[in-house]
Amino acid sequence: MSRHTVRRLAAASVAACSLVALTACSSGSSGGSDGPTTIALWTHNGGNDAELAVNQQIVDDFNASQSDYRVELEAFPQASYNDAVVAAASARKLPCVLDIDAPNVPNWAWAGYIQPLGLPDDEFDGQLPSTIGEVDGDVYAFGHYDVALAFFTRTSALEAVGARVPTPEDPWTRDELETVLDDLQATGQYDYPLDLGTGGTGEWITYAYSPFLQSAGGDLVDRDGYTTADGVLNGDAALDWAGWMQGLVADGHIAARSGEDATADFVNGKSAILYSGSWAYDTVTDAFGEDAVVIPPVDLGEGPTIGGGSWQWAMSAQCEDVDGARAYLEFSHQAEYVQALAEATGTIPATDEAAAAMTDYAAGGAKEVFRTFSQDYAVVRPVTPAYPYITSVFQKATQDILSGGDPATILDKAVSDIDNDIAQNGDYAF
């Protein structure tokens, strides 16, 4: 069975349940000689009124700005969005413009769902690298915003145990963090001194904990060719990371499975340090005011690392009016819309120009630290079509490690599973 056949069958197996719904959809582009060409646009934010309203405003502004094209927006609930796209790809009913979660960009490019944007290189001057979906040197997608992971704590809590407040230039080392956690634990004030959000599931696990693996010197897959995980996911650095994670649990520094809402537990005093995303900032500062402080994640040897990449915009490979799709994408990329989407979603603006116009993200702003973390620490998830499989394997391996399983056995099994998947798919070559 050829690789291309496998791709088609993979799409069709998911598509079957959704084809009925798609028969009513009008996708791609259409139009006649007497009117503007219609450009279909799909978005996942059907359940996010604030983000959807901004995207609708961008569409309305674009439609009013010219007479050649008319963009028609269709919103889907996030939970069913990917299935709808896969089904549409199989039925050749993809819209011209669609959004996509950043880690899926390589897979959708490999599957032939999306095509390079073909926009000028300078379109992305001043753009956070983590918000550009680049595969094999081609830009397939870009985002208006990103989020950043960080440690949140209280200055007073650190001062009480004589701990220094780390800075982006001088983060805590592994030994420093261990000392701080021992001292915080000794106060007897907290259920656990650190909450890593271990109650989270799904993509959170890879997004949150693979950066620690990378900070220790390991990775999810060997990025030199993306053909094996051997040596990076089960090498000495990865075993050191796994031992560190298990040690945090064994020492009582974190819970093997924390509460459903780690931010609420932190605000309620159950933990002294919270590991979460920039989305937690407002809740934390509302609770603690100027005592709240955002600090970089721990440096496990190779520098602090955080995940990067959120939802991005792409152009489908089935689009019949590429010029119209590009015109809309360029229009939507204006700083005023980057700013509007960041404000509506409480996220980090993707471009320098938009950040400079926002009080919180401009130089000296309260949230500038998150943009600094994104610029300095972000590592995008592996840029390979194999990523959806890799993340599912890593999620199980991490949960098994946190539950006390043997790290070497768990990680060797993970490497074997990942390498077999890559081999069975012809190295996911384009």
Protein backbone atom coordinates (compact mmCIF):
# COMPACT_ATOMS: atom_id res chain seq x y z
CA MET A 1 0.00 0.00 0.00
CA SER A 2 1.51 3.32 -0.99
CA ARG A 3 2.05 6.16 1.44
CA HIS A 4 -0.40 8.34 -0.47
CA THR A 5 -3.03 5.62 -0.23
CA VAL A 6 -2.49 5.43 3.50
CA ARG A 7 -3.03 9.19 3.80
CA ARG A 8 -6.28 9.01 1.91
CA LEU A 9 -7.56 6.08 3.98
CA ALA A 10 -6.64 7.82 7.21
CA ALA A 11 -8.68 10.81 6.18
CA ALA A 12 -11.62 8.76 4.95
CA SER A 13 -11.91 6.74 8.17
CA VAL A 14 -12.54 9.91 10.16
CA ALA A 15 -14.58 11.55 7.46
CA ALA A 16 -17.34 8.98 7.17
CA CYS A 17 -19.43 10.27 10.07
CA SER A 18 -19.30 13.85 8.86
CA LEU A 19 -19.89 13.64 5.16
CA VAL A 20 -23.64 14.11 5.48
CA ALA A 21 -23.16 17.45 7.16
CA LEU A 22 -20.68 18.53 4.55
CA THR A 23 -23.09 18.10 1.70
CA ALA A 24 -24.69 21.35 2.79
CA CYS A 25 -21.41 23.23 2.90
CA SER A 26 -20.24 25.54 0.18
CA SER A 27 -16.48 25.62 0.38
CA GLY A 28 -13.44 26.86 -1.47
CA SER A 29 -14.26 29.77 -3.74
CA SER A 30 -17.02 30.57 -6.16
CA GLY A 31 -18.32 33.47 -8.15
CA GLY A 32 -19.44 34.68 -11.49
CA SER A 33 -18.58 37.44 -13.88
CA ASP A 34 -21.21 39.74 -12.39
CA GLY A 35 -20.10 39.76 -8.76
CA PRO A 36 -17.29 39.26 -6.32
CA THR A 37 -15.67 35.85 -5.90
CA THR A 38 -16.72 34.17 -2.67
CA ILE A 39 -13.90 33.02 -0.40
CA ALA A 40 -14.97 30.49 2.25
CA LEU A 41 -13.32 30.75 5.66
CA TRP A 42 -13.59 28.25 8.51
CA THR A 43 -12.64 28.85 12.12
CA HIS A 44 -12.60 26.71 15.27
CA ASN A 45 -13.82 29.47 17.59
CA GLY A 46 -17.55 28.86 17.29
CA GLY A 47 -17.73 28.65 21.09
CA ASN A 48 -15.59 31.70 21.75
CA ASP A 49 -17.80 34.74 21.25
CA ALA A 50 -15.07 37.33 21.85
CA GLU A 51 -12.58 35.85 19.37
CA LEU A 52 -15.30 35.09 16.85
CA ALA A 53 -16.55 38.68 16.97
CA VAL A 54 -13.12 40.04 16.09
CA ASN A 55 -12.71 37.59 13.22
CA GLN A 56 -16.14 38.53 11.91
CA GLN A 57 -15.15 42.22 12.11
CA ILE A 58 -11.99 41.51 10.10
CA VAL A 59 -14.08 39.73 7.48
CA ASP A 60 -16.60 42.58 7.36
CA ASP A 61 -13.82 45.18 7.05
CA PHE A 62 -12.14 43.20 4.26
CA ASN A 63 -15.40 42.82 2.36
CA ALA A 64 -16.04 46.56 2.64
CA SER A 65 -12.50 47.43 1.56
CA GLN A 66 -12.71 46.06 -2.00
CA SER A 67 -15.15 44.62 -4.54
CA ASP A 68 -13.28 41.63 -6.01
CA TYR A 69 -13.85 39.14 -3.19
CA ARG A 70 -16.40 38.39 -0.51
CA VAL A 71 -15.23 36.29 2.44
CA GLU A 72 -17.90 34.19 4.13
CA LEU A 73 -17.07 32.99 7.65
CA GLU A 74 -18.31 29.71 9.08
CA ALA A 75 -17.55 28.88 12.72
CA PHE A 76 -17.38 25.40 14.24
CA PRO A 77 -17.16 24.28 17.87
CA GLN A 78 -13.52 23.49 18.64
CA ALA A 79 -14.35 19.93 19.72
CA SER A 80 -15.60 18.98 16.26
CA TYR A 81 -13.48 21.29 14.13
CA ASN A 82 -10.62 18.95 13.20
CA ASP A 83 -13.03 16.17 12.24
CA ALA A 84 -14.91 18.61 10.02
CA VAL A 85 -11.68 19.62 8.26
CA VAL A 86 -10.59 16.01 7.72
CA ALA A 87 -14.03 15.14 6.35
CA ALA A 88 -14.00 18.16 4.05
CA ALA A 89 -10.54 17.27 2.77
CA SER A 90 -11.77 13.80 1.85
CA ALA A 91 -14.84 15.24 0.11
CA ARG A 92 -12.73 17.96 -1.57
CA LYS A 93 -14.82 20.62 0.10
CA LEU A 94 -12.16 22.43 2.09
CA PRO A 95 -12.61 26.19 2.39
CA CYS A 96 -9.98 28.50 0.96
CA VAL A 97 -8.97 29.88 4.36
CA LEU A 98 -9.00 27.94 7.62
CA ASP A 99 -7.39 28.07 11.04
CA ILE A 100 -5.28 25.28 12.46
CA ASP A 101 -3.63 24.46 15.78
CA ALA A 102 0.08 25.07 15.26
CA PRO A 103 1.39 21.54 16.04
CA ASN A 104 -0.87 20.15 13.30
CA VAL A 105 0.56 22.34 10.53
CA PRO A 106 3.23 19.82 9.35
CA ASN A 107 0.72 16.95 9.36
CA TRP A 108 -1.89 18.86 7.38
CA ALA A 109 0.79 20.02 4.95
CA TRP A 110 2.00 16.43 4.50
CA ALA A 111 -1.59 15.21 4.08
CA GLY A 112 -2.12 17.76 1.33
CA TYR A 113 -4.77 19.78 3.18
CA ILE A 114 -2.90 23.09 3.10
CA GLN A 115 -0.38 24.79 0.81
CA PRO A 116 2.41 27.34 1.31
CA LEU A 117 0.99 30.84 1.76
CA GLY A 118 3.34 32.42 -0.75
CA LEU A 119 3.30 35.76 1.07
CA PRO A 120 6.35 38.07 0.90
CA ASP A 121 9.05 37.27 3.47
CA ASP A 122 8.87 40.76 4.97
CA GLU A 123 5.22 40.14 5.83
CA PHE A 124 6.53 38.45 8.96
CA ASP A 125 9.12 41.00 10.06
CA GLY A 126 8.72 41.54 13.80
CA GLN A 127 6.65 38.36 14.22
CA LEU A 128 7.21 35.95 17.12
CA PRO A 129 8.89 32.90 15.55
CA SER A 130 6.57 30.54 17.43
CA THR A 131 3.59 32.06 15.58
CA ILE A 132 4.87 31.13 12.12
CA GLY A 133 4.01 27.67 10.78
CA GLU A 134 7.09 26.95 8.68
CA VAL A 135 7.68 23.50 7.15
CA ASP A 136 10.70 22.67 4.97
CA GLY A 137 11.41 26.36 4.46
CA ASP A 138 7.87 27.28 3.39
CA VAL A 139 5.41 29.26 5.53
CA TYR A 140 2.13 27.37 5.64
CA ALA A 141 0.44 29.35 8.41
CA PHE A 142 0.75 32.31 10.75
CA GLY A 143 -0.91 33.28 14.01
CA HIS A 144 -2.15 36.51 15.50
CA TYR A 145 -1.20 35.52 19.06
CA ASP A 146 0.56 33.06 21.32
CA VAL A 147 0.65 32.13 25.01
CA ALA A 148 3.63 31.50 27.30
CA LEU A 149 4.32 29.19 30.20
CA ALA A 150 5.81 30.56 33.43
CA PHE A 151 6.12 30.06 37.16
CA PHE A 152 3.81 32.24 39.24
CA THR A 153 4.53 32.87 42.90
CA ARG A 154 4.43 35.56 45.61
CA THR A 155 7.42 37.69 46.55
CA SER A 156 6.44 37.39 50.21
CA ALA A 157 6.43 33.58 50.00
CA LEU A 158 9.97 33.54 48.63
CA GLU A 159 11.21 36.16 51.08
CA ALA A 160 9.82 34.09 53.97
CA VAL A 161 12.28 31.30 53.16
CA GLY A 162 15.14 33.54 52.10
CA ALA A 163 14.84 32.64 48.41
CA ARG A 164 15.87 35.05 45.68
CA VAL A 165 13.41 36.09 43.01
CA PRO A 166 14.79 34.69 39.72
CA THR A 167 14.85 36.83 36.60
CA PRO A 168 14.83 36.05 32.86
CA GLU A 169 18.57 36.69 32.88
CA ASP A 170 19.17 34.54 35.97
CA PRO A 171 16.58 31.78 36.36
CA TRP A 172 16.67 29.17 39.09
CA THR A 173 18.92 26.19 38.54
CA ARG A 174 17.68 22.71 39.36
CA ASP A 175 19.57 22.74 42.68
CA GLU A 176 18.22 26.16 43.60
CA LEU A 177 14.65 25.09 42.90
CA GLU A 178 15.11 21.97 45.01
CA THR A 179 16.35 24.05 47.94
CA VAL A 180 13.46 26.49 47.61
CA LEU A 181 10.94 23.64 47.49
CA ASP A 182 12.50 21.99 50.56
CA ASP A 183 12.30 25.28 52.47
CA LEU A 184 8.73 26.02 51.38
CA GLN A 185 7.70 22.50 52.32
CA ALA A 186 9.27 22.89 55.75
CA THR A 187 6.97 25.82 56.53
CA GLY A 188 4.03 23.41 56.61
CA GLN A 189 1.82 26.04 54.96
CA TYR A 190 1.16 24.26 51.67
CA ASP A 191 -0.29 20.97 50.49
CA TYR A 192 2.56 20.98 47.97
CA PRO A 193 5.13 23.75 47.44
CA LEU A 194 4.89 23.45 43.63
CA ASP A 195 1.89 22.72 41.40
CA LEU A 196 2.86 21.61 37.89
CA GLY A 197 -0.74 21.06 36.83
CA THR A 198 -0.35 17.30 36.77
CA GLY A 199 -4.12 16.94 36.80
CA GLY A 200 -4.14 18.15 33.20
CA THR A 201 -4.67 15.80 30.30
CA GLY A 202 -4.28 15.63 26.52
CA GLU A 203 -2.05 18.10 24.73
CA TRP A 204 -1.39 19.97 27.98
CA ILE A 205 0.95 17.16 29.02
CA THR A 206 3.21 17.56 25.99
CA TYR A 207 2.91 21.34 25.94
CA ALA A 208 3.77 21.63 29.62
CA TYR A 209 6.34 18.89 30.28
CA SER A 210 8.28 18.39 27.05
CA PRO A 211 9.93 21.82 27.66
CA PHE A 212 11.41 20.40 30.89
CA LEU A 213 12.68 17.44 28.86
CA GLN A 214 14.27 19.85 26.39
CA SER A 215 15.74 21.97 29.18
CA ALA A 216 17.41 18.80 30.47
CA GLY A 217 18.90 18.16 27.01
CA GLY A 218 16.44 15.59 25.61
CA ASP A 219 13.62 15.92 23.10
CA LEU A 220 10.55 14.17 21.72
CA VAL A 221 12.29 13.16 18.50
CA ASP A 222 15.66 13.71 16.86
CA ARG A 223 15.05 16.94 14.91
CA ASP A 224 17.90 16.10 12.55
CA GLY A 225 15.74 14.39 9.95
CA TYR A 226 12.83 13.51 12.25
CA THR A 227 13.25 9.80 11.53
CA THR A 228 13.87 8.47 15.06
CA ALA A 229 13.40 9.29 18.74
CA ASP A 230 16.21 6.97 19.76
CA GLY A 231 18.84 8.66 21.88
CA VAL A 232 16.84 11.82 22.55
CA LEU A 233 13.69 10.42 24.22
CA ASN A 234 15.47 7.56 25.97
CA GLY A 235 19.05 8.86 26.34
CA ASP A 236 20.80 10.00 29.49
CA ALA A 237 19.22 13.47 29.40
CA ALA A 238 15.70 12.05 29.04
CA LEU A 239 16.30 9.60 31.88
CA ASP A 240 17.55 12.50 33.99
CA TRP A 241 14.34 14.43 33.21
CA ALA A 242 12.20 11.43 34.11
CA GLY A 243 14.10 10.94 37.34
CA TRP A 244 13.62 14.61 38.18
CA MET A 245 9.87 14.38 37.60
CA GLN A 246 9.60 11.27 39.75
CA GLY A 247 11.79 12.85 42.43
CA LEU A 248 9.43 15.82 42.71
CA VAL A 249 6.61 13.41 43.47
CA ALA A 250 8.67 11.20 45.80
CA ASP A 251 9.87 14.22 47.78
CA GLY A 252 6.36 15.58 48.18
CA HIS A 253 7.18 18.70 46.16
CA ILE A 254 4.35 18.11 43.66
CA ALA A 255 1.27 15.91 43.50
CA ALA A 256 1.38 13.01 41.07
CA ARG A 257 -2.07 14.19 40.06
CA SER A 258 -2.95 17.69 41.12
CA GLY A 259 -6.42 19.25 41.39
CA GLU A 260 -8.62 20.08 38.43
CA ASP A 261 -7.84 23.82 38.70
CA ALA A 262 -4.22 24.43 39.67
CA THR A 263 -4.64 28.20 39.48
CA ALA A 264 -7.54 28.15 41.93
CA ASP A 265 -5.52 25.94 44.28
CA PHE A 266 -2.61 28.41 44.10
CA VAL A 267 -4.86 31.39 44.77
CA ASN A 268 -6.37 29.50 47.72
CA GLY A 269 -2.95 28.92 49.26
CA LYS A 270 -2.61 25.20 48.57
CA SER A 271 0.68 25.73 46.70
CA ALA A 272 3.44 28.35 46.79
CA ILE A 273 4.53 28.17 43.15
CA LEU A 274 2.25 27.59 40.17
CA TYR A 275 3.33 26.40 36.73
CA SER A 276 0.80 27.66 34.22
CA GLY A 277 0.33 29.85 31.19
CA SER A 278 0.01 33.58 30.61
CA TRP A 279 -3.77 33.07 30.76
CA ALA A 280 -3.48 32.72 34.57
CA TYR A 281 -1.98 36.19 35.03
CA ASP A 282 -5.17 38.15 35.63
CA THR A 283 -6.52 35.64 38.17
CA VAL A 284 -3.24 35.57 40.07
CA THR A 285 -2.74 39.34 40.16
CA ASP A 286 -6.38 39.93 41.11
CA ALA A 287 -5.78 37.69 44.13
CA PHE A 288 -2.35 38.89 45.23
CA GLY A 289 -1.85 42.32 43.67
CA GLU A 290 1.73 43.56 43.70
CA ASP A 291 2.84 40.55 45.76
CA ALA A 292 2.33 38.35 42.68
CA VAL A 293 5.40 37.77 40.57
CA VAL A 294 5.99 35.98 37.26
CA ILE A 295 9.31 34.15 37.07
CA PRO A 296 10.94 31.94 34.43
CA PRO A 297 10.63 28.16 34.54
CA VAL A 298 13.57 26.30 36.04
CA ASP A 299 16.76 25.77 34.04
CA LEU A 300 17.50 22.03 34.08
CA GLY A 301 20.81 22.48 32.31
CA GLU A 302 20.17 23.75 28.79
CA GLY A 303 18.32 26.92 29.76
CA PRO A 304 14.63 27.51 30.51
CA THR A 305 12.32 26.27 27.77
CA ILE A 306 8.62 26.75 27.09
CA GLY A 307 6.26 25.54 24.41
CA GLY A 308 5.28 27.75 21.48
CA GLY A 309 2.57 27.92 18.87
CA SER A 310 -1.17 28.46 19.09
CA TRP A 311 -3.94 28.71 16.49
CA GLN A 312 -2.82 29.93 13.09
CA TRP A 313 -4.32 30.75 9.70
CA ALA A 314 -3.63 28.69 6.61
CA MET A 315 -4.72 28.38 2.97
CA SER A 316 -6.13 25.07 1.78
CA ALA A 317 -4.58 23.15 -1.08
CA GLN A 318 -8.07 22.95 -2.62
CA CYS A 319 -8.49 26.73 -2.81
CA GLU A 320 -9.40 27.77 -6.35
CA ASP A 321 -8.72 31.47 -5.83
CA VAL A 322 -5.31 31.74 -4.23
CA ASP A 323 -5.05 35.47 -4.93
CA GLY A 324 -8.25 36.15 -3.03
CA ALA A 325 -7.19 34.02 -0.07
CA ARG A 326 -3.81 35.75 0.07
CA ALA A 327 -5.45 39.16 -0.14
CA TYR A 328 -7.61 38.34 2.87
CA LEU A 329 -4.76 36.84 4.89
CA GLU A 330 -2.56 39.90 4.29
CA PHE A 331 -5.45 42.19 5.23
CA SER A 332 -6.09 40.27 8.46
CA HIS A 333 -2.43 40.52 9.43
CA GLN A 334 -2.58 44.29 10.04
CA ALA A 335 -1.40 45.36 13.49
CA GLU A 336 -4.83 46.64 14.50
CA TYR A 337 -6.31 43.16 14.05
CA VAL A 338 -3.39 41.42 15.78
CA GLN A 339 -3.99 43.78 18.69
CA ALA A 340 -7.75 43.25 18.67
CA LEU A 341 -7.44 39.47 18.72
CA ALA A 342 -4.82 39.53 21.50
CA GLU A 343 -7.08 41.79 23.58
CA ALA A 344 -10.15 39.66 22.93
CA THR A 345 -8.42 36.42 23.87
CA GLY A 346 -6.09 37.69 26.60
CA THR A 347 -3.09 36.39 24.69
CA ILE A 348 0.31 37.67 23.60
CA PRO A 349 0.26 39.75 20.39
CA ALA A 350 2.28 38.07 17.65
CA THR A 351 3.90 41.18 16.19
CA ASP A 352 6.17 43.88 17.58
CA GLU A 353 3.97 46.59 16.10
CA ALA A 354 0.85 45.35 17.85
CA ALA A 355 2.71 44.81 21.14
CA ALA A 356 4.02 48.37 21.07
CA ALA A 357 0.42 49.63 20.85
CA MET A 358 -0.72 47.65 23.90
CA THR A 359 0.03 49.07 27.34
CA ASP A 360 0.50 45.66 28.96
CA TYR A 361 2.86 44.33 26.27
CA ALA A 362 4.80 47.48 25.38
CA ALA A 363 8.24 48.02 26.92
CA GLY A 364 7.83 48.11 30.69
CA GLY A 365 4.27 46.77 30.55
CA ALA A 366 2.94 44.36 33.16
CA LYS A 367 2.76 41.46 30.71
CA GLU A 368 5.89 42.21 28.69
CA VAL A 369 7.58 39.35 30.55
CA PHE A 370 5.43 36.81 28.70
CA ARG A 371 6.52 38.14 25.31
CA THR A 372 10.11 38.01 26.54
CA PHE A 373 9.65 34.36 27.51
CA SER A 374 8.12 33.61 24.10
CA GLN A 375 10.99 35.31 22.30
CA ASP A 376 13.78 33.81 24.42
CA TYR A 377 12.54 30.41 25.59
CA ALA A 378 9.92 29.10 23.15
CA VAL A 379 10.65 25.86 21.29
CA VAL A 380 7.97 24.82 18.84
CA ARG A 381 6.78 21.26 19.04
CA PRO A 382 8.56 18.98 16.55
CA VAL A 383 7.93 20.15 12.99
CA THR A 384 7.00 16.76 11.61
CA PRO A 385 3.80 15.15 10.30
CA ALA A 386 4.44 12.48 12.93
CA TYR A 387 3.69 14.93 15.75
CA PRO A 388 0.06 13.86 16.42
CA TYR A 389 1.33 10.33 17.06
CA ILE A 390 4.43 11.46 18.96
CA THR A 391 2.40 13.56 21.38
CA SER A 392 -0.02 10.73 22.11
CA VAL A 393 2.91 8.45 22.98
CA PHE A 394 4.60 11.09 25.13
CA GLN A 395 1.41 11.80 27.03
CA LYS A 396 1.08 8.17 28.09
CA ALA A 397 4.79 7.88 28.90
CA THR A 398 4.70 10.96 31.12
CA GLN A 399 1.64 9.76 33.00
CA ASP A 400 3.31 6.37 33.53
CA ILE A 401 6.46 8.08 34.81
CA LEU A 402 4.49 10.26 37.22
CA SER A 403 2.76 7.10 38.45
CA GLY A 404 6.11 5.63 39.40
CA GLY A 405 6.90 3.31 36.47
CA ASP A 406 10.44 2.45 35.43
CA PRO A 407 11.67 5.37 33.28
CA ALA A 408 14.04 3.33 31.11
CA THR A 409 11.36 0.77 30.25
CA ILE A 410 8.72 3.44 29.62
CA LEU A 411 10.93 5.61 27.42
CA ASP A 412 12.36 2.68 25.44
CA LYS A 413 8.79 1.59 24.68
CA ALA A 414 7.89 5.14 23.65
CA VAL A 415 10.86 5.31 21.29
CA SER A 416 9.97 1.95 19.77
CA ASP A 417 6.37 3.02 19.17
CA ILE A 418 7.38 6.35 17.62
CA ASP A 419 10.08 4.84 15.41
CA ASN A 420 7.69 2.15 14.16
CA ASP A 421 5.09 4.77 13.26
CA ILE A 422 7.64 6.87 11.39
CA ALA A 423 8.93 3.83 9.48
CA GLN A 424 5.41 2.64 8.61
CA ASN A 425 4.71 6.06 7.09
CA GLY A 426 7.82 6.19 4.95
CA ASP A 427 9.56 8.66 7.27
CA TYR A 428 6.64 11.02 6.58
CA ALA A 429 8.54 12.29 3.56
CA PHE A 430 6.83 14.95 1.51
